Amino acid sequence: MTTLITILNKLRLHADQFRVSAPMVGPLFDDADQRRVSHDLDAVRTRFEQHPVWPSSGALGERR
């Protein structure tokens, strides 16, 4: 067992790096990064549902 712990320490692996979930339940622990990413994706999705074209930069054509 100590050999396994030594190997994991050398590889810099920690238990909190992996999401734990159960079948039919979902994630067992709250993850702030997961919430933030899903919120950002929802914002992008609803923005493109309302306005399906990306806004232009305002500078049209070639300028020198």
PDB file of N, CA and C in Angstrom:
ATOM      1  N   MET A   1       0.819  -1.198   0.000  1.00  0.00           N
ATOM      2  CA  MET A   1       0.000   0.000   0.000  1.00  0.00           C
ATOM      3  C   MET A   1       0.862   1.260   0.000  1.00  0.00           C
ATOM      4  N   THR A   2       1.945   1.238   0.756  1.00  0.00           N
ATOM      5  CA  THR A   2       2.818   2.409   0.793  1.00  0.00           C
ATOM      6  C   THR A   2       3.499   2.628  -0.552  1.00  0.00           C
ATOM      7  N   THR A   3       3.722   1.551  -1.302  1.00  0.00           N
ATOM      8  CA  THR A   3       4.310   1.692  -2.630  1.00  0.00           C
ATOM      9  C   THR A   3       3.360   2.432  -3.555  1.00  0.00           C
ATOM     10  N   LEU A   4       2.081   2.092  -3.475  1.00  0.00           N
ATOM     11  CA  LEU A   4       1.077   2.776  -4.285  1.00  0.00           C
ATOM     12  C   LEU A   4       1.000   4.257  -3.922  1.00  0.00           C
ATOM     13  N   ILE A   5       1.030   4.569  -2.653  1.00  0.00           N
ATOM     14  CA  ILE A   5       0.995   5.969  -2.208  1.00  0.00           C
ATOM     15  C   ILE A   5       2.230   6.712  -2.693  1.00  0.00           C
ATOM     16  N   THR A   6       3.391   6.064  -2.658  1.00  0.00           N
ATOM     17  CA  THR A   6       4.629   6.679  -3.138  1.00  0.00           C
ATOM     18  C   THR A   6       4.550   6.969  -4.633  1.00  0.00           C
ATOM     19  N   ILE A   7       4.018   6.015  -5.402  1.00  0.00           N
ATOM     20  CA  ILE A   7       3.883   6.212  -6.851  1.00  0.00           C
ATOM     21  C   ILE A   7       2.926   7.362  -7.141  1.00  0.00           C
ATOM     22  N   LEU A   8       1.791   7.401  -6.442  1.00  0.00           N
ATOM     23  CA  LEU A   8       0.823   8.480  -6.658  1.00  0.00           C
ATOM     24  C   LEU A   8       1.398   9.836  -6.281  1.00  0.00           C
ATOM     25  N   ASN A   9       2.195   9.881  -5.232  1.00  0.00           N
ATOM     26  CA  ASN A   9       2.837  11.138  -4.846  1.00  0.00           C
ATOM     27  C   ASN A   9       3.844  11.593  -5.887  1.00  0.00           C
ATOM     28  N   LYS A  10       4.584  10.657  -6.475  1.00  0.00           N
ATOM     29  CA  LYS A  10       5.548  11.028  -7.516  1.00  0.00           C
ATOM     30  C   LYS A  10       4.848  11.519  -8.772  1.00  0.00           C
ATOM     31  N   LEU A  11       3.689  10.942  -9.065  1.00  0.00           N
ATOM     32  CA  LEU A  11       2.918  11.374 -10.232  1.00  0.00           C
ATOM     33  C   LEU A  11       2.075  12.616  -9.947  1.00  0.00           C
ATOM     34  N   ARG A  12       2.087  13.068  -8.693  1.00  0.00           N
ATOM     35  CA  ARG A  12       1.310  14.229  -8.251  1.00  0.00           C
ATOM     36  C   ARG A  12      -0.177  14.044  -8.492  1.00  0.00           C
ATOM     37  N   LEU A  13      -0.668  12.849  -8.194  1.00  0.00           N
ATOM     38  CA  LEU A  13      -2.089  12.563  -8.303  1.00  0.00           C
ATOM     39  C   LEU A  13      -2.725  12.631  -6.918  1.00  0.00           C
ATOM     40  N   HIS A  14      -3.861  13.270  -6.836  1.00  0.00           N
ATOM     41  CA  HIS A  14      -4.582  13.396  -5.581  1.00  0.00           C
ATOM     42  C   HIS A  14      -6.033  12.979  -5.811  1.00  0.00           C
ATOM     43  N   ALA A  15      -6.673  12.512  -4.784  1.00  0.00           N
ATOM     44  CA  ALA A  15      -8.050  12.022  -4.898  1.00  0.00           C
ATOM     45  C   ALA A  15      -9.011  13.129  -5.318  1.00  0.00           C
ATOM     46  N   ASP A  16      -8.755  14.386  -4.939  1.00  0.00           N
ATOM     47  CA  ASP A  16      -9.684  15.467  -5.278  1.00  0.00           C
ATOM     48  C   ASP A  16      -9.574  15.914  -6.735  1.00  0.00           C
ATOM     49  N   GLN A  17      -8.657  15.325  -7.508  1.00  0.00           N
ATOM     50  CA  GLN A  17      -8.553  15.660  -8.923  1.00  0.00           C
ATOM     51  C   GLN A  17      -9.604  14.933  -9.757  1.00  0.00           C
ATOM     52  N   PHE A  18     -10.239  13.923  -9.197  1.00  0.00           N
ATOM     53  CA  PHE A  18     -11.173  13.093  -9.938  1.00  0.00           C
ATOM     54  C   PHE A  18     -12.577  13.290  -9.400  1.00  0.00           C
ATOM     55  N   ARG A  19     -13.524  13.472 -10.315  1.00  0.00           N
ATOM     56  CA  ARG A  19     -14.921  13.642  -9.916  1.00  0.00           C
ATOM     57  C   ARG A  19     -15.506  12.283  -9.573  1.00  0.00           C
ATOM     58  N   VAL A  20     -16.224  12.240  -8.495  1.00  0.00           N
ATOM     59  CA  VAL A  20     -16.855  11.005  -8.055  1.00  0.00           C
ATOM     60  C   VAL A  20     -18.352  11.129  -8.301  1.00  0.00           C
ATOM     61  N   SER A  21     -18.907  10.155  -9.018  1.00  0.00           N
ATOM     62  CA  SER A  21     -20.344  10.152  -9.255  1.00  0.00           C
ATOM     63  C   SER A  21     -20.860   8.726  -9.137  1.00  0.00           C
ATOM     64  N   ALA A  22     -22.150   8.629  -8.936  1.00  0.00           N
ATOM     65  CA  ALA A  22     -22.784   7.327  -8.784  1.00  0.00           C
ATOM     66  C   ALA A  22     -23.863   7.169  -9.851  1.00  0.00           C
ATOM     67  N   PRO A  23     -24.125   5.945 -10.264  1.00  0.00           N
ATOM     68  CA  PRO A  23     -25.187   5.735 -11.256  1.00  0.00           C
ATOM     69  C   PRO A  23     -26.542   6.164 -10.703  1.00  0.00           C
ATOM     70  N   MET A  24     -27.344   6.790 -11.545  1.00  0.00           N
ATOM     71  CA  MET A  24     -28.697   7.229 -11.202  1.00  0.00           C
ATOM     72  C   MET A  24     -28.712   8.326 -10.135  1.00  0.00           C
ATOM     73  N   VAL A  25     -27.544   8.825  -9.705  1.00  0.00           N
ATOM     74  CA  VAL A  25     -27.491   9.867  -8.685  1.00  0.00           C
ATOM     75  C   VAL A  25     -26.809  11.114  -9.235  1.00  0.00           C
ATOM     76  N   GLY A  26     -25.706  10.920  -9.954  1.00  0.00           N
ATOM     77  CA  GLY A  26     -24.937  12.036 -10.467  1.00  0.00           C
ATOM     78  C   GLY A  26     -23.749  12.320  -9.578  1.00  0.00           C
ATOM     79  N   PRO A  27     -23.227  13.542  -9.621  1.00  0.00           N
ATOM     80  CA  PRO A  27     -22.057  13.886  -8.808  1.00  0.00           C
ATOM     81  C   PRO A  27     -22.358  13.783  -7.317  1.00  0.00           C
ATOM     82  N   LEU A  28     -21.398  13.267  -6.570  1.00  0.00           N
ATOM     83  CA  LEU A  28     -21.593  13.118  -5.128  1.00  0.00           C
ATOM     84  C   LEU A  28     -21.129  14.344  -4.358  1.00  0.00           C
ATOM     85  N   PHE A  29     -20.267  15.157  -4.978  1.00  0.00           N
ATOM     86  CA  PHE A  29     -19.749  16.344  -4.304  1.00  0.00           C
ATOM     87  C   PHE A  29     -19.982  17.550  -5.189  1.00  0.00           C
ATOM     88  N   ASP A  30     -20.202  18.709  -4.585  1.00  0.00           N
ATOM     89  CA  ASP A  30     -20.427  19.948  -5.315  1.00  0.00           C
ATOM     90  C   ASP A  30     -19.103  20.456  -5.885  1.00  0.00           C
ATOM     91  N   ASP A  31     -19.113  20.854  -7.144  1.00  0.00           N
ATOM     92  CA  ASP A  31     -17.901  21.313  -7.806  1.00  0.00           C
ATOM     93  C   ASP A  31     -18.147  22.709  -8.366  1.00  0.00           C
ATOM     94  N   ALA A  32     -17.442  23.705  -7.842  1.00  0.00           N
ATOM     95  CA  ALA A  32     -17.649  25.097  -8.263  1.00  0.00           C
ATOM     96  C   ALA A  32     -17.259  25.298  -9.728  1.00  0.00           C
ATOM     97  N   ASP A  33     -16.185  24.657 -10.178  1.00  0.00           N
ATOM     98  CA  ASP A  33     -15.771  24.800 -11.580  1.00  0.00           C
ATOM     99  C   ASP A  33     -16.824  24.215 -12.515  1.00  0.00           C
ATOM    100  N   GLN A  34     -17.383  23.093 -12.155  1.00  0.00           N
ATOM    101  CA  GLN A  34     -18.431  22.466 -12.968  1.00  0.00           C
ATOM    102  C   GLN A  34     -19.638  23.387 -13.092  1.00  0.00           C
ATOM    103  N   ARG A  35     -20.045  24.008 -11.979  1.00  0.00           N
ATOM    104  CA  ARG A  35     -21.173  24.952 -12.009  1.00  0.00           C
ATOM    105  C   ARG A  35     -20.863  26.149 -12.897  1.00  0.00           C
ATOM    106  N   ARG A  36     -19.647  26.678 -12.797  1.00  0.00           N
ATOM    107  CA  ARG A  36     -19.263  27.857 -13.583  1.00  0.00           C
ATOM    108  C   ARG A  36     -19.249  27.535 -15.072  1.00  0.00           C
ATOM    109  N   VAL A  37     -18.689  26.391 -15.439  1.00  0.00           N
ATOM    110  CA  VAL A  37     -18.624  26.001 -16.850  1.00  0.00           C
ATOM    111  C   VAL A  37     -20.024  25.776 -17.406  1.00  0.00           C
ATOM    112  N   SER A  38     -20.883  25.097 -16.652  1.00  0.00           N
ATOM    113  CA  SER A  38     -22.239  24.859 -17.150  1.00  0.00           C
ATOM    114  C   SER A  38     -23.017  26.166 -17.278  1.00  0.00           C
ATOM    115  N   HIS A  39     -22.777  27.115 -16.374  1.00  0.00           N
ATOM    116  CA  HIS A  39     -23.436  28.421 -16.477  1.00  0.00           C
ATOM    117  C   HIS A  39     -22.966  29.158 -17.722  1.00  0.00           C
ATOM    118  N   ASP A  40     -21.660  29.146 -17.997  1.00  0.00           N
ATOM    119  CA  ASP A  40     -21.135  29.807 -19.189  1.00  0.00           C
ATOM    120  C   ASP A  40     -21.688  29.176 -20.463  1.00  0.00           C
ATOM    121  N   LEU A  41     -21.766  27.850 -20.491  1.00  0.00           N
ATOM    122  CA  LEU A  41     -22.309  27.174 -21.668  1.00  0.00           C
ATOM    123  C   LEU A  41     -23.787  27.502 -21.867  1.00  0.00           C
ATOM    124  N   ASP A  42     -24.536  27.587 -20.783  1.00  0.00           N
ATOM    125  CA  ASP A  42     -25.945  27.973 -20.895  1.00  0.00           C
ATOM    126  C   ASP A  42     -26.081  29.396 -21.420  1.00  0.00           C
ATOM    127  N   ALA A  43     -25.204  30.290 -20.975  1.00  0.00           N
ATOM    128  CA  ALA A  43     -25.257  31.681 -21.440  1.00  0.00           C
ATOM    129  C   ALA A  43     -24.968  31.767 -22.941  1.00  0.00           C
ATOM    130  N   VAL A  44     -23.975  31.023 -23.404  1.00  0.00           N
ATOM    131  CA  VAL A  44     -23.646  31.030 -24.837  1.00  0.00           C
ATOM    132  C   VAL A  44     -24.792  30.422 -25.636  1.00  0.00           C
ATOM    133  N   ARG A  45     -25.335  29.316 -25.152  1.00  0.00           N
ATOM    134  CA  ARG A  45     -26.426  28.645 -25.865  1.00  0.00           C
ATOM    135  C   ARG A  45     -27.644  29.549 -25.991  1.00  0.00           C
ATOM    136  N   THR A  46     -28.053  30.207 -24.907  1.00  0.00           N
ATOM    137  CA  THR A  46     -29.230  31.066 -24.973  1.00  0.00           C
ATOM    138  C   THR A  46     -28.954  32.317 -25.796  1.00  0.00           C
ATOM    139  N   ARG A  47     -27.720  32.802 -25.802  1.00  0.00           N
ATOM    140  CA  ARG A  47     -27.382  33.970 -26.618  1.00  0.00           C
ATOM    141  C   ARG A  47     -27.550  33.643 -28.095  1.00  0.00           C
ATOM    142  N   PHE A  48     -27.112  32.435 -28.500  1.00  0.00           N
ATOM    143  CA  PHE A  48     -27.227  32.061 -29.905  1.00  0.00           C
ATOM    144  C   PHE A  48     -28.643  31.628 -30.269  1.00  0.00           C
ATOM    145  N   GLU A  49     -29.459  31.249 -29.282  1.00  0.00           N
ATOM    146  CA  GLU A  49     -30.859  30.982 -29.580  1.00  0.00           C
ATOM    147  C   GLU A  49     -31.577  32.287 -29.895  1.00  0.00           C
ATOM    148  N   GLN A  50     -31.222  33.354 -29.196  1.00  0.00           N
ATOM    149  CA  GLN A  50     -31.881  34.641 -29.410  1.00  0.00           C
ATOM    150  C   GLN A  50     -31.304  35.377 -30.613  1.00  0.00           C
ATOM    151  N   HIS A  51     -29.980  35.328 -30.799  1.00  0.00           N
ATOM    152  CA  HIS A  51     -29.300  36.010 -31.905  1.00  0.00           C
ATOM    153  C   HIS A  51     -28.324  35.021 -32.531  1.00  0.00           C
ATOM    154  N   PRO A  52     -28.732  34.313 -33.590  1.00  0.00           N
ATOM    155  CA  PRO A  52     -27.904  33.220 -34.113  1.00  0.00           C
ATOM    156  C   PRO A  52     -26.662  33.656 -34.886  1.00  0.00           C
ATOM    157  N   VAL A  53     -26.370  34.938 -34.969  1.00  0.00           N
ATOM    158  CA  VAL A  53     -25.191  35.406 -35.707  1.00  0.00           C
ATOM    159  C   VAL A  53     -24.235  36.064 -34.732  1.00  0.00           C
ATOM    160  N   TRP A  54     -22.946  35.745 -34.870  1.00  0.00           N
ATOM    161  CA  TRP A  54     -21.934  36.373 -34.028  1.00  0.00           C
ATOM    162  C   TRP A  54     -21.804  37.829 -34.431  1.00  0.00           C
ATOM    163  N   PRO A  55     -21.725  38.772 -33.484  1.00  0.00           N
ATOM    164  CA  PRO A  55     -21.627  40.198 -33.848  1.00  0.00           C
ATOM    165  C   PRO A  55     -20.321  40.511 -34.576  1.00  0.00           C
ATOM    166  N   SER A  56     -20.402  41.454 -35.496  1.00  0.00           N
ATOM    167  CA  SER A  56     -19.188  41.844 -36.226  1.00  0.00           C
ATOM    168  C   SER A  56     -18.326  42.736 -35.352  1.00  0.00           C
ATOM    169  N   SER A  57     -17.082  42.904 -35.768  1.00  0.00           N
ATOM    170  CA  SER A  57     -16.142  43.684 -34.961  1.00  0.00           C
ATOM    171  C   SER A  57     -16.395  45.178 -35.071  1.00  0.00           C
ATOM    172  N   GLY A  58     -17.123  45.591 -36.075  1.00  0.00           N
ATOM    173  CA  GLY A  58     -17.373  47.014 -36.261  1.00  0.00           C
ATOM    174  C   GLY A  58     -16.487  47.613 -37.335  1.00  0.00           C
ATOM    175  N   ALA A  59     -15.291  47.047 -37.517  1.00  0.00           N
ATOM    176  CA  ALA A  59     -14.390  47.515 -38.574  1.00  0.00           C
ATOM    177  C   ALA A  59     -14.553  46.587 -39.761  1.00  0.00           C
ATOM    178  N   LEU A  60     -15.310  47.027 -40.747  1.00  0.00           N
ATOM    179  CA  LEU A  60     -15.559  46.208 -41.923  1.00  0.00           C
ATOM    180  C   LEU A  60     -14.591  46.593 -43.023  1.00  0.00           C
ATOM    181  N   GLY A  61     -14.140  45.616 -43.745  1.00  0.00           N
ATOM    182  CA  GLY A  61     -13.223  45.882 -44.844  1.00  0.00           C
ATOM    183  C   GLY A  61     -11.792  45.966 -44.369  1.00  0.00           C
ATOM    184  N   GLU A  62     -10.899  46.233 -45.312  1.00  0.00           N
ATOM    185  CA  GLU A  62      -9.480  46.295 -45.003  1.00  0.00           C
ATOM    186  C   GLU A  62      -9.065  47.741 -44.777  1.00  0.00           C
ATOM    187  N   ARG A  63      -8.389  47.990 -43.688  1.00  0.00           N
ATOM    188  CA  ARG A  63      -7.922  49.352 -43.386  1.00  0.00           C
ATOM    189  C   ARG A  63      -6.415  49.341 -43.283  1.00  0.00           C
ATOM    190  N   ARG A  64      -5.830  50.405 -43.752  1.00  0.00           N
ATOM    191  CA  ARG A  64      -4.355  50.522 -43.677  1.00  0.00           C
ATOM    192  C   ARG A  64      -3.971  51.838 -43.091  1.00  0.00           C
TER     193      ARG A  64
END
